[in-house]
Amino acid sequence: MRIIEGKLEEELLRIALLRSPHEAVGLILSNNEVIELPNHSSEANAQFEVHREDIVEALSGKDLLDIVFWHSHPSGGIGPSRVDIQQRTPFPHHLVIAIDQGAIVSSWY
């Protein structure tokens, strides 16, 4: 697991706040590049939905080692929800970032 701090933390917080009250979703590459993916959920304030083709397009030509799948909980819910666990992607590392008093609290699952 990587440490979420510095520029990586700032970028995740920026995206999460920009998309709030909707959940933001994306990938973190091995070089700490953050890629935001579209949230296609009709209930984006409570969940996310990502299309496979968006992931394939975002990863085209990228290093596929050590990818982290992340999403935000703008309401501050710490840790993965039951739905998050049920809809876990094939990526080995998943991160939930909850927004708490202008900072993020990260939870791995």
PDB file of N, CA and C in Angstrom:
ATOM      1  N   MET A   1       0.844  -1.179   0.000  1.00  0.00           N
ATOM      2  CA  MET A   1       0.000   0.000   0.000  1.00  0.00           C
ATOM      3  C   MET A   1       0.887   1.240   0.000  1.00  0.00           C
ATOM      4  N   ARG A   2       0.482   2.214  -0.769  1.00  0.00           N
ATOM      5  CA  ARG A   2       1.278   3.432  -0.795  1.00  0.00           C
ATOM      6  C   ARG A   2       0.712   4.437   0.210  1.00  0.00           C
ATOM      7  N   ILE A   3       1.549   5.366   0.569  1.00  0.00           N
ATOM      8  CA  ILE A   3       1.150   6.410   1.511  1.00  0.00           C
ATOM      9  C   ILE A   3       0.503   7.542   0.720  1.00  0.00           C
ATOM     10  N   ILE A   4      -0.636   7.994   1.202  1.00  0.00           N
ATOM     11  CA  ILE A   4      -1.370   9.079   0.555  1.00  0.00           C
ATOM     12  C   ILE A   4      -0.997  10.366   1.280  1.00  0.00           C
ATOM     13  N   GLU A   5      -0.079  11.120   0.656  1.00  0.00           N
ATOM     14  CA  GLU A   5       0.381  12.378   1.256  1.00  0.00           C
ATOM     15  C   GLU A   5       0.901  13.293   0.161  1.00  0.00           C
ATOM     16  N   GLY A   6       1.227  14.500   0.514  1.00  0.00           N
ATOM     17  CA  GLY A   6       1.837  15.452  -0.405  1.00  0.00           C
ATOM     18  C   GLY A   6       0.960  15.759  -1.606  1.00  0.00           C
ATOM     19  N   LYS A   7       1.591  15.817  -2.790  1.00  0.00           N
ATOM     20  CA  LYS A   7       0.881  16.181  -4.011  1.00  0.00           C
ATOM     21  C   LYS A   7      -0.214  15.181  -4.362  1.00  0.00           C
ATOM     22  N   LEU A   8      -0.001  13.912  -4.059  1.00  0.00           N
ATOM     23  CA  LEU A   8      -1.027  12.902  -4.320  1.00  0.00           C
ATOM     24  C   LEU A   8      -2.276  13.191  -3.487  1.00  0.00           C
ATOM     25  N   GLU A   9      -2.099  13.454  -2.217  1.00  0.00           N
ATOM     26  CA  GLU A   9      -3.224  13.781  -1.342  1.00  0.00           C
ATOM     27  C   GLU A   9      -3.926  15.062  -1.807  1.00  0.00           C
ATOM     28  N   GLU A  10      -3.134  16.064  -2.182  1.00  0.00           N
ATOM     29  CA  GLU A  10      -3.707  17.325  -2.649  1.00  0.00           C
ATOM     30  C   GLU A  10      -4.560  17.125  -3.897  1.00  0.00           C
ATOM     31  N   GLU A  11      -4.082  16.310  -4.836  1.00  0.00           N
ATOM     32  CA  GLU A  11      -4.820  16.090  -6.076  1.00  0.00           C
ATOM     33  C   GLU A  11      -6.111  15.308  -5.816  1.00  0.00           C
ATOM     34  N   LEU A  12      -6.049  14.283  -4.984  1.00  0.00           N
ATOM     35  CA  LEU A  12      -7.259  13.523  -4.656  1.00  0.00           C
ATOM     36  C   LEU A  12      -8.285  14.415  -3.960  1.00  0.00           C
ATOM     37  N   LEU A  13      -7.830  15.236  -3.029  1.00  0.00           N
ATOM     38  CA  LEU A  13      -8.736  16.142  -2.315  1.00  0.00           C
ATOM     39  C   LEU A  13      -9.335  17.162  -3.283  1.00  0.00           C
ATOM     40  N   ARG A  14      -8.516  17.688  -4.187  1.00  0.00           N
ATOM     41  CA  ARG A  14      -9.009  18.670  -5.158  1.00  0.00           C
ATOM     42  C   ARG A  14     -10.134  18.075  -6.009  1.00  0.00           C
ATOM     43  N   ILE A  15      -9.919  16.877  -6.517  1.00  0.00           N
ATOM     44  CA  ILE A  15     -10.937  16.237  -7.360  1.00  0.00           C
ATOM     45  C   ILE A  15     -12.182  15.915  -6.543  1.00  0.00           C
ATOM     46  N   ALA A  16     -11.994  15.373  -5.352  1.00  0.00           N
ATOM     47  CA  ALA A  16     -13.139  15.006  -4.509  1.00  0.00           C
ATOM     48  C   ALA A  16     -13.987  16.230  -4.176  1.00  0.00           C
ATOM     49  N   LEU A  17     -13.345  17.333  -3.835  1.00  0.00           N
ATOM     50  CA  LEU A  17     -14.091  18.556  -3.516  1.00  0.00           C
ATOM     51  C   LEU A  17     -14.760  19.139  -4.759  1.00  0.00           C
ATOM     52  N   LEU A  18     -14.090  19.061  -5.901  1.00  0.00           N
ATOM     53  CA  LEU A  18     -14.652  19.563  -7.152  1.00  0.00           C
ATOM     54  C   LEU A  18     -15.927  18.807  -7.524  1.00  0.00           C
ATOM     55  N   ARG A  19     -15.959  17.502  -7.304  1.00  0.00           N
ATOM     56  CA  ARG A  19     -17.108  16.678  -7.692  1.00  0.00           C
ATOM     57  C   ARG A  19     -18.185  16.594  -6.614  1.00  0.00           C
ATOM     58  N   SER A  20     -17.860  16.980  -5.390  1.00  0.00           N
ATOM     59  CA  SER A  20     -18.829  16.917  -4.291  1.00  0.00           C
ATOM     60  C   SER A  20     -20.064  17.737  -4.638  1.00  0.00           C
ATOM     61  N   PRO A  21     -21.263  17.297  -4.359  1.00  0.00           N
ATOM     62  CA  PRO A  21     -21.641  16.201  -3.471  1.00  0.00           C
ATOM     63  C   PRO A  21     -21.663  14.830  -4.149  1.00  0.00           C
ATOM     64  N   HIS A  22     -21.163  14.733  -5.371  1.00  0.00           N
ATOM     65  CA  HIS A  22     -21.123  13.446  -6.058  1.00  0.00           C
ATOM     66  C   HIS A  22     -19.821  12.728  -5.721  1.00  0.00           C
ATOM     67  N   GLU A  23     -19.835  11.418  -5.828  1.00  0.00           N
ATOM     68  CA  GLU A  23     -18.629  10.644  -5.627  1.00  0.00           C
ATOM     69  C   GLU A  23     -17.719  10.812  -6.831  1.00  0.00           C
ATOM     70  N   ALA A  24     -16.455  11.042  -6.573  1.00  0.00           N
ATOM     71  CA  ALA A  24     -15.432  11.050  -7.622  1.00  0.00           C
ATOM     72  C   ALA A  24     -14.827   9.657  -7.676  1.00  0.00           C
ATOM     73  N   VAL A  25     -14.295   9.300  -8.830  1.00  0.00           N
ATOM     74  CA  VAL A  25     -13.754   7.955  -9.009  1.00  0.00           C
ATOM     75  C   VAL A  25     -12.588   8.018  -9.988  1.00  0.00           C
ATOM     76  N   GLY A  26     -11.621   7.141  -9.803  1.00  0.00           N
ATOM     77  CA  GLY A  26     -10.493   7.143 -10.730  1.00  0.00           C
ATOM     78  C   GLY A  26      -9.444   6.113 -10.397  1.00  0.00           C
ATOM     79  N   LEU A  27      -8.261   6.348 -10.952  1.00  0.00           N
ATOM     80  CA  LEU A  27      -7.131   5.445 -10.812  1.00  0.00           C
ATOM     81  C   LEU A  27      -5.912   6.241 -10.351  1.00  0.00           C
ATOM     82  N   ILE A  28      -5.027   5.568  -9.630  1.00  0.00           N
ATOM     83  CA  ILE A  28      -3.716   6.114  -9.300  1.00  0.00           C
ATOM     84  C   ILE A  28      -2.703   5.157  -9.910  1.00  0.00           C
ATOM     85  N   LEU A  29      -1.816   5.689 -10.744  1.00  0.00           N
ATOM     86  CA  LEU A  29      -0.803   4.863 -11.387  1.00  0.00           C
ATOM     87  C   LEU A  29       0.430   4.746 -10.503  1.00  0.00           C
ATOM     88  N   SER A  30       1.349   3.872 -10.873  1.00  0.00           N
ATOM     89  CA  SER A  30       2.539   3.617 -10.054  1.00  0.00           C
ATOM     90  C   SER A  30       3.401   4.858  -9.866  1.00  0.00           C
ATOM     91  N   ASN A  31       3.328   5.820 -10.796  1.00  0.00           N
ATOM     92  CA  ASN A  31       4.099   7.057 -10.679  1.00  0.00           C
ATOM     93  C   ASN A  31       3.324   8.147  -9.917  1.00  0.00           C
ATOM     94  N   ASN A  32       2.220   7.768  -9.280  1.00  0.00           N
ATOM     95  CA  ASN A  32       1.320   8.652  -8.515  1.00  0.00           C
ATOM     96  C   ASN A  32       0.502   9.588  -9.395  1.00  0.00           C
ATOM     97  N   GLU A  33       0.434   9.317 -10.696  1.00  0.00           N
ATOM     98  CA  GLU A  33      -0.456  10.082 -11.572  1.00  0.00           C
ATOM     99  C   GLU A  33      -1.893   9.716 -11.217  1.00  0.00           C
ATOM    100  N   VAL A  34      -2.722  10.723 -11.018  1.00  0.00           N
ATOM    101  CA  VAL A  34      -4.137  10.514 -10.703  1.00  0.00           C
ATOM    102  C   VAL A  34      -4.946  10.705 -11.981  1.00  0.00           C
ATOM    103  N   ILE A  35      -5.754   9.710 -12.297  1.00  0.00           N
ATOM    104  CA  ILE A  35      -6.637   9.775 -13.456  1.00  0.00           C
ATOM    105  C   ILE A  35      -8.066   9.738 -12.937  1.00  0.00           C
ATOM    106  N   GLU A  36      -8.825  10.775 -13.238  1.00  0.00           N
ATOM    107  CA  GLU A  36     -10.240  10.784 -12.865  1.00  0.00           C
ATOM    108  C   GLU A  36     -11.029  10.096 -13.972  1.00  0.00           C
ATOM    109  N   LEU A  37     -11.957   9.243 -13.582  1.00  0.00           N
ATOM    110  CA  LEU A  37     -12.847   8.565 -14.520  1.00  0.00           C
ATOM    111  C   LEU A  37     -14.250   9.151 -14.375  1.00  0.00           C
ATOM    112  N   PRO A  38     -15.042   9.109 -15.441  1.00  0.00           N
ATOM    113  CA  PRO A  38     -16.427   9.592 -15.320  1.00  0.00           C
ATOM    114  C   PRO A  38     -17.245   8.700 -14.386  1.00  0.00           C
ATOM    115  N   ASN A  39     -18.063   9.316 -13.559  1.00  0.00           N
ATOM    116  CA  ASN A  39     -19.010   8.581 -12.719  1.00  0.00           C
ATOM    117  C   ASN A  39     -20.337   8.577 -13.466  1.00  0.00           C
ATOM    118  N   HIS A  40     -20.720   7.411 -13.972  1.00  0.00           N
ATOM    119  CA  HIS A  40     -21.928   7.288 -14.781  1.00  0.00           C
ATOM    120  C   HIS A  40     -23.178   6.948 -13.958  1.00  0.00           C
ATOM    121  N   SER A  41     -23.058   6.902 -12.643  1.00  0.00           N
ATOM    122  CA  SER A  41     -24.188   6.520 -11.801  1.00  0.00           C
ATOM    123  C   SER A  41     -25.300   7.564 -11.849  1.00  0.00           C
ATOM    124  N   SER A  42     -26.529   7.095 -11.928  1.00  0.00           N
ATOM    125  CA  SER A  42     -27.673   8.009 -11.850  1.00  0.00           C
ATOM    126  C   SER A  42     -27.877   8.498 -10.417  1.00  0.00           C
ATOM    127  N   GLU A  43     -27.206   7.860  -9.467  1.00  0.00           N
ATOM    128  CA  GLU A  43     -27.241   8.262  -8.054  1.00  0.00           C
ATOM    129  C   GLU A  43     -25.821   8.605  -7.602  1.00  0.00           C
ATOM    130  N   ALA A  44     -25.155   9.493  -8.339  1.00  0.00           N
ATOM    131  CA  ALA A  44     -23.738   9.786  -8.131  1.00  0.00           C
ATOM    132  C   ALA A  44     -23.420  10.387  -6.765  1.00  0.00           C
ATOM    133  N   ASN A  45     -24.430  10.891  -6.066  1.00  0.00           N
ATOM    134  CA  ASN A  45     -24.166  11.417  -4.724  1.00  0.00           C
ATOM    135  C   ASN A  45     -24.058  10.304  -3.687  1.00  0.00           C
ATOM    136  N   ALA A  46     -24.408   9.078  -4.059  1.00  0.00           N
ATOM    137  CA  ALA A  46     -24.360   7.968  -3.103  1.00  0.00           C
ATOM    138  C   ALA A  46     -23.553   6.774  -3.604  1.00  0.00           C
ATOM    139  N   GLN A  47     -23.195   6.754  -4.869  1.00  0.00           N
ATOM    140  CA  GLN A  47     -22.440   5.615  -5.407  1.00  0.00           C
ATOM    141  C   GLN A  47     -21.776   6.012  -6.711  1.00  0.00           C
ATOM    142  N   PHE A  48     -20.938   5.107  -7.215  1.00  0.00           N
ATOM    143  CA  PHE A  48     -20.288   5.369  -8.482  1.00  0.00           C
ATOM    144  C   PHE A  48     -20.543   4.203  -9.433  1.00  0.00           C
ATOM    145  N   GLU A  49     -20.430   4.509 -10.704  1.00  0.00           N
ATOM    146  CA  GLU A  49     -20.508   3.492 -11.748  1.00  0.00           C
ATOM    147  C   GLU A  49     -19.477   3.868 -12.799  1.00  0.00           C
ATOM    148  N   VAL A  50     -18.588   2.935 -13.109  1.00  0.00           N
ATOM    149  CA  VAL A  50     -17.535   3.162 -14.085  1.00  0.00           C
ATOM    150  C   VAL A  50     -17.726   2.179 -15.225  1.00  0.00           C
ATOM    151  N   HIS A  51     -17.554   2.664 -16.437  1.00  0.00           N
ATOM    152  CA  HIS A  51     -17.658   1.797 -17.610  1.00  0.00           C
ATOM    153  C   HIS A  51     -16.282   1.262 -17.978  1.00  0.00           C
ATOM    154  N   ARG A  52     -16.255   0.009 -18.349  1.00  0.00           N
ATOM    155  CA  ARG A  52     -15.008  -0.669 -18.703  1.00  0.00           C
ATOM    156  C   ARG A  52     -14.232   0.108 -19.764  1.00  0.00           C
ATOM    157  N   GLU A  53     -14.934   0.610 -20.762  1.00  0.00           N
ATOM    158  CA  GLU A  53     -14.252   1.314 -21.851  1.00  0.00           C
ATOM    159  C   GLU A  53     -13.550   2.584 -21.371  1.00  0.00           C
ATOM    160  N   ASP A  54     -14.068   3.224 -20.319  1.00  0.00           N
ATOM    161  CA  ASP A  54     -13.394   4.395 -19.757  1.00  0.00           C
ATOM    162  C   ASP A  54     -12.061   3.995 -19.129  1.00  0.00           C
ATOM    163  N   ILE A  55     -12.048   2.853 -18.447  1.00  0.00           N
ATOM    164  CA  ILE A  55     -10.808   2.364 -17.828  1.00  0.00           C
ATOM    165  C   ILE A  55      -9.802   1.987 -18.915  1.00  0.00           C
ATOM    166  N   VAL A  56     -10.251   1.255 -19.926  1.00  0.00           N
ATOM    167  CA  VAL A  56      -9.357   0.842 -21.016  1.00  0.00           C
ATOM    168  C   VAL A  56      -8.748   2.066 -21.695  1.00  0.00           C
ATOM    169  N   GLU A  57      -9.562   3.064 -21.970  1.00  0.00           N
ATOM    170  CA  GLU A  57      -9.065   4.278 -22.622  1.00  0.00           C
ATOM    171  C   GLU A  57      -8.069   5.017 -21.728  1.00  0.00           C
ATOM    172  N   ALA A  58      -8.370   5.128 -20.438  1.00  0.00           N
ATOM    173  CA  ALA A  58      -7.497   5.850 -19.513  1.00  0.00           C
ATOM    174  C   ALA A  58      -6.147   5.164 -19.353  1.00  0.00           C
ATOM    175  N   LEU A  59      -6.118   3.837 -19.469  1.00  0.00           N
ATOM    176  CA  LEU A  59      -4.878   3.095 -19.249  1.00  0.00           C
ATOM    177  C   LEU A  59      -4.099   2.827 -20.531  1.00  0.00           C
ATOM    178  N   SER A  60      -4.621   3.241 -21.661  1.00  0.00           N
ATOM    179  CA  SER A  60      -3.946   3.012 -22.931  1.00  0.00           C
ATOM    180  C   SER A  60      -2.556   3.642 -22.919  1.00  0.00           C
ATOM    181  N   GLY A  61      -1.538   2.818 -23.138  1.00  0.00           N
ATOM    182  CA  GLY A  61      -0.160   3.293 -23.178  1.00  0.00           C
ATOM    183  C   GLY A  61       0.459   3.560 -21.823  1.00  0.00           C
ATOM    184  N   LYS A  62      -0.217   3.214 -20.738  1.00  0.00           N
ATOM    185  CA  LYS A  62       0.294   3.474 -19.383  1.00  0.00           C
ATOM    186  C   LYS A  62       0.922   2.215 -18.797  1.00  0.00           C
ATOM    187  N   ASP A  63       1.772   2.392 -17.795  1.00  0.00           N
ATOM    188  CA  ASP A  63       2.351   1.290 -17.041  1.00  0.00           C
ATOM    189  C   ASP A  63       1.240   0.670 -16.200  1.00  0.00           C
ATOM    190  N   LEU A  64       1.002  -0.608 -16.374  1.00  0.00           N
ATOM    191  CA  LEU A  64      -0.135  -1.256 -15.706  1.00  0.00           C
ATOM    192  C   LEU A  64       0.232  -1.900 -14.370  1.00  0.00           C
ATOM    193  N   LEU A  65       1.407  -1.631 -13.866  1.00  0.00           N
ATOM    194  CA  LEU A  65       1.802  -2.189 -12.573  1.00  0.00           C
ATOM    195  C   LEU A  65       1.303  -1.316 -11.427  1.00  0.00           C
ATOM    196  N   ASP A  66       0.886  -1.951 -10.374  1.00  0.00           N
ATOM    197  CA  ASP A  66       0.552  -1.272  -9.119  1.00  0.00           C
ATOM    198  C   ASP A  66      -0.489  -0.169  -9.276  1.00  0.00           C
ATOM    199  N   ILE A  67      -1.596  -0.485  -9.925  1.00  0.00           N
ATOM    200  CA  ILE A  67      -2.683   0.484 -10.109  1.00  0.00           C
ATOM    201  C   ILE A  67      -3.619   0.439  -8.896  1.00  0.00           C
ATOM    202  N   VAL A  68      -4.020   1.612  -8.455  1.00  0.00           N
ATOM    203  CA  VAL A  68      -4.979   1.733  -7.353  1.00  0.00           C
ATOM    204  C   VAL A  68      -6.289   2.269  -7.932  1.00  0.00           C
ATOM    205  N   PHE A  69      -7.392   1.624  -7.594  1.00  0.00           N
ATOM    206  CA  PHE A  69      -8.725   2.110  -7.945  1.00  0.00           C
ATOM    207  C   PHE A  69      -9.232   2.882  -6.740  1.00  0.00           C
ATOM    208  N   TRP A  70      -9.654   4.133  -6.935  1.00  0.00           N
ATOM    209  CA  TRP A  70     -10.101   4.949  -5.801  1.00  0.00           C
ATOM    210  C   TRP A  70     -11.455   5.593  -6.082  1.00  0.00           C
ATOM    211  N   HIS A  71     -12.138   5.934  -5.018  1.00  0.00           N
ATOM    212  CA  HIS A  71     -13.338   6.761  -5.133  1.00  0.00           C
ATOM    213  C   HIS A  71     -13.526   7.514  -3.819  1.00  0.00           C
ATOM    214  N   SER A  72     -14.325   8.565  -3.886  1.00  0.00           N
ATOM    215  CA  SER A  72     -14.522   9.409  -2.711  1.00  0.00           C
ATOM    216  C   SER A  72     -15.867   9.141  -2.050  1.00  0.00           C
ATOM    217  N   HIS A  73     -15.918   9.473  -0.782  1.00  0.00           N
ATOM    218  CA  HIS A  73     -17.161   9.497  -0.017  1.00  0.00           C
ATOM    219  C   HIS A  73     -17.344  10.943   0.459  1.00  0.00           C
ATOM    220  N   PRO A  74     -17.989  11.783  -0.352  1.00  0.00           N
ATOM    221  CA  PRO A  74     -18.104  13.204   0.006  1.00  0.00           C
ATOM    222  C   PRO A  74     -18.892  13.458   1.284  1.00  0.00           C
ATOM    223  N   SER A  75     -19.720  12.501   1.687  1.00  0.00           N
ATOM    224  CA  SER A  75     -20.491  12.686   2.920  1.00  0.00           C
ATOM    225  C   SER A  75     -19.659  12.354   4.159  1.00  0.00           C
ATOM    226  N   GLY A  76     -18.430  11.884   3.955  1.00  0.00           N
ATOM    227  CA  GLY A  76     -17.542  11.608   5.084  1.00  0.00           C
ATOM    228  C   GLY A  76     -17.555  10.178   5.568  1.00  0.00           C
ATOM    229  N   GLY A  77     -18.317   9.295   4.930  1.00  0.00           N
ATOM    230  CA  GLY A  77     -18.343   7.891   5.356  1.00  0.00           C
ATOM    231  C   GLY A  77     -16.972   7.252   5.201  1.00  0.00           C
ATOM    232  N   ILE A  78     -16.384   6.836   6.302  1.00  0.00           N
ATOM    233  CA  ILE A  78     -15.039   6.269   6.280  1.00  0.00           C
ATOM    234  C   ILE A  78     -15.126   4.774   5.984  1.00  0.00           C
ATOM    235  N   GLY A  79     -14.285   4.330   5.092  1.00  0.00           N
ATOM    236  CA  GLY A  79     -14.220   2.912   4.729  1.00  0.00           C
ATOM    237  C   GLY A  79     -15.200   2.571   3.625  1.00  0.00           C
ATOM    238  N   PRO A  80     -15.037   1.373   3.060  1.00  0.00           N
ATOM    239  CA  PRO A  80     -15.911   0.946   1.961  1.00  0.00           C
ATOM    240  C   PRO A  80     -17.311   0.605   2.447  1.00  0.00           C
ATOM    241  N   SER A  81     -18.283   0.912   1.614  1.00  0.00           N
ATOM    242  CA  SER A  81     -19.658   0.507   1.920  1.00  0.00           C
ATOM    243  C   SER A  81     -19.861  -0.940   1.495  1.00  0.00           C
ATOM    244  N   ARG A  82     -20.987  -1.488   1.844  1.00  0.00           N
ATOM    245  CA  ARG A  82     -21.334  -2.850   1.428  1.00  0.00           C
ATOM    246  C   ARG A  82     -21.359  -2.942  -0.099  1.00  0.00           C
ATOM    247  N   VAL A  83     -21.910  -1.923  -0.751  1.00  0.00           N
ATOM    248  CA  VAL A  83     -21.967  -1.887  -2.221  1.00  0.00           C
ATOM    249  C   VAL A  83     -20.558  -1.820  -2.802  1.00  0.00           C
ATOM    250  N   ASP A  84     -19.674  -1.015  -2.186  1.00  0.00           N
ATOM    251  CA  ASP A  84     -18.289  -0.932  -2.661  1.00  0.00           C
ATOM    252  C   ASP A  84     -17.635  -2.306  -2.681  1.00  0.00           C
ATOM    253  N   ILE A  85     -17.821  -3.052  -1.615  1.00  0.00           N
ATOM    254  CA  ILE A  85     -17.211  -4.378  -1.524  1.00  0.00           C
ATOM    255  C   ILE A  85     -17.838  -5.332  -2.534  1.00  0.00           C
ATOM    256  N   GLN A  86     -19.148  -5.265  -2.700  1.00  0.00           N
ATOM    257  CA  GLN A  86     -19.821  -6.135  -3.667  1.00  0.00           C
ATOM    258  C   GLN A  86     -19.406  -5.823  -5.098  1.00  0.00           C
ATOM    259  N   GLN A  87     -19.105  -4.565  -5.393  1.00  0.00           N
ATOM    260  CA  GLN A  87     -18.764  -4.156  -6.758  1.00  0.00           C
ATOM    261  C   GLN A  87     -17.262  -3.948  -6.938  1.00  0.00           C
ATOM    262  N   ARG A  88     -16.481  -4.575  -6.121  1.00  0.00           N
ATOM    263  CA  ARG A  88     -15.017  -4.467  -6.188  1.00  0.00           C
ATOM    264  C   ARG A  88     -14.530  -4.810  -7.595  1.00  0.00           C
ATOM    265  N   THR A  89     -13.617  -4.010  -8.099  1.00  0.00           N
ATOM    266  CA  THR A  89     -13.071  -4.221  -9.443  1.00  0.00           C
ATOM    267  C   THR A  89     -11.962  -5.271  -9.391  1.00  0.00           C
ATOM    268  N   PRO A  90     -11.454  -5.693 -10.546  1.00  0.00           N
ATOM    269  CA  PRO A  90     -10.347  -6.659 -10.556  1.00  0.00           C
ATOM    270  C   PRO A  90      -9.003  -6.081 -10.101  1.00  0.00           C
ATOM    271  N   PHE A  91      -8.913  -4.753  -9.927  1.00  0.00           N
ATOM    272  CA  PHE A  91      -7.651  -4.181  -9.464  1.00  0.00           C
ATOM    273  C   PHE A  91      -7.367  -4.654  -8.037  1.00  0.00           C
ATOM    274  N   PRO A  92      -6.104  -4.957  -7.722  1.00  0.00           N
ATOM    275  CA  PRO A  92      -5.802  -5.510  -6.389  1.00  0.00           C
ATOM    276  C   PRO A  92      -5.912  -4.503  -5.248  1.00  0.00           C
ATOM    277  N   HIS A  93      -5.758  -3.209  -5.542  1.00  0.00           N
ATOM    278  CA  HIS A  93      -5.772  -2.193  -4.482  1.00  0.00           C
ATOM    279  C   HIS A  93      -6.937  -1.233  -4.691  1.00  0.00           C
ATOM    280  N   HIS A  94      -7.737  -1.052  -3.640  1.00  0.00           N
ATOM    281  CA  HIS A  94      -8.877  -0.137  -3.667  1.00  0.00           C
ATOM    282  C   HIS A  94      -8.748   0.845  -2.507  1.00  0.00           C
ATOM    283  N   LEU A  95      -9.085   2.092  -2.781  1.00  0.00           N
ATOM    284  CA  LEU A  95      -8.949   3.152  -1.796  1.00  0.00           C
ATOM    285  C   LEU A  95     -10.231   3.972  -1.755  1.00  0.00           C
ATOM    286  N   VAL A  96     -10.719   4.221  -0.547  1.00  0.00           N
ATOM    287  CA  VAL A  96     -11.832   5.150  -0.335  1.00  0.00           C
ATOM    288  C   VAL A  96     -11.251   6.362   0.359  1.00  0.00           C
ATOM    289  N   ILE A  97     -11.569   7.539  -0.182  1.00  0.00           N
ATOM    290  CA  ILE A  97     -11.142   8.755   0.495  1.00  0.00           C
ATOM    291  C   ILE A  97     -12.388   9.486   0.986  1.00  0.00           C
ATOM    292  N   ALA A  98     -12.460   9.635   2.291  1.00  0.00           N
ATOM    293  CA  ALA A  98     -13.572  10.362   2.913  1.00  0.00           C
ATOM    294  C   ALA A  98     -13.103  11.785   3.188  1.00  0.00           C
ATOM    295  N   ILE A  99     -13.977  12.731   2.964  1.00  0.00           N
ATOM    296  CA  ILE A  99     -13.645  14.127   3.228  1.00  0.00           C
ATOM    297  C   ILE A  99     -14.087  14.458   4.643  1.00  0.00           C
ATOM    298  N   ASP A 100     -13.131  14.906   5.457  1.00  0.00           N
ATOM    299  CA  ASP A 100     -13.414  15.233   6.854  1.00  0.00           C
ATOM    300  C   ASP A 100     -12.705  16.541   7.203  1.00  0.00           C
ATOM    301  N   GLN A 101     -13.465  17.599   7.390  1.00  0.00           N
ATOM    302  CA  GLN A 101     -12.950  18.915   7.779  1.00  0.00           C
ATOM    303  C   GLN A 101     -11.849  19.402   6.839  1.00  0.00           C
ATOM    304  N   GLY A 102     -12.082  19.271   5.526  1.00  0.00           N
ATOM    305  CA  GLY A 102     -11.152  19.774   4.543  1.00  0.00           C
ATOM    306  C   GLY A 102      -9.917  18.922   4.293  1.00  0.00           C
ATOM    307  N   ALA A 103      -9.894  17.727   4.850  1.00  0.00           N
ATOM    308  CA  ALA A 103      -8.782  16.798   4.642  1.00  0.00           C
ATOM    309  C   ALA A 103      -9.371  15.445   4.239  1.00  0.00           C
ATOM    310  N   ILE A 104      -8.513  14.541   3.806  1.00  0.00           N
ATOM    311  CA  ILE A 104      -9.028  13.217   3.457  1.00  0.00           C
ATOM    312  C   ILE A 104      -8.578  12.190   4.496  1.00  0.00           C
ATOM    313  N   VAL A 105      -9.464  11.224   4.720  1.00  0.00           N
ATOM    314  CA  VAL A 105      -9.176  10.070   5.548  1.00  0.00           C
ATOM    315  C   VAL A 105      -9.215   8.889   4.605  1.00  0.00           C
ATOM    316  N   SER A 106      -8.101   8.196   4.452  1.00  0.00           N
ATOM    317  CA  SER A 106      -8.040   7.110   3.479  1.00  0.00           C
ATOM    318  C   SER A 106      -8.262   5.763   4.130  1.00  0.00           C
ATOM    319  N   SER A 107      -8.972   4.889   3.405  1.00  0.00           N
ATOM    320  CA  SER A 107      -9.230   3.517   3.856  1.00  0.00           C
ATOM    321  C   SER A 107      -8.969   2.584   2.688  1.00  0.00           C
ATOM    322  N   TRP A 108      -8.169   1.575   2.925  1.00  0.00           N
ATOM    323  CA  TRP A 108      -7.853   0.579   1.897  1.00  0.00           C
ATOM    324  C   TRP A 108      -8.753  -0.630   2.049  1.00  0.00           C
ATOM    325  N   TYR A 109      -9.146  -1.214   0.927  1.00  0.00           N
ATOM    326  CA  TYR A 109      -9.884  -2.477   0.975  1.00  0.00           C
ATOM    327  C   TYR A 109      -9.544  -3.302  -0.230  1.00  0.00           C
TER     328      TYR A 109
END
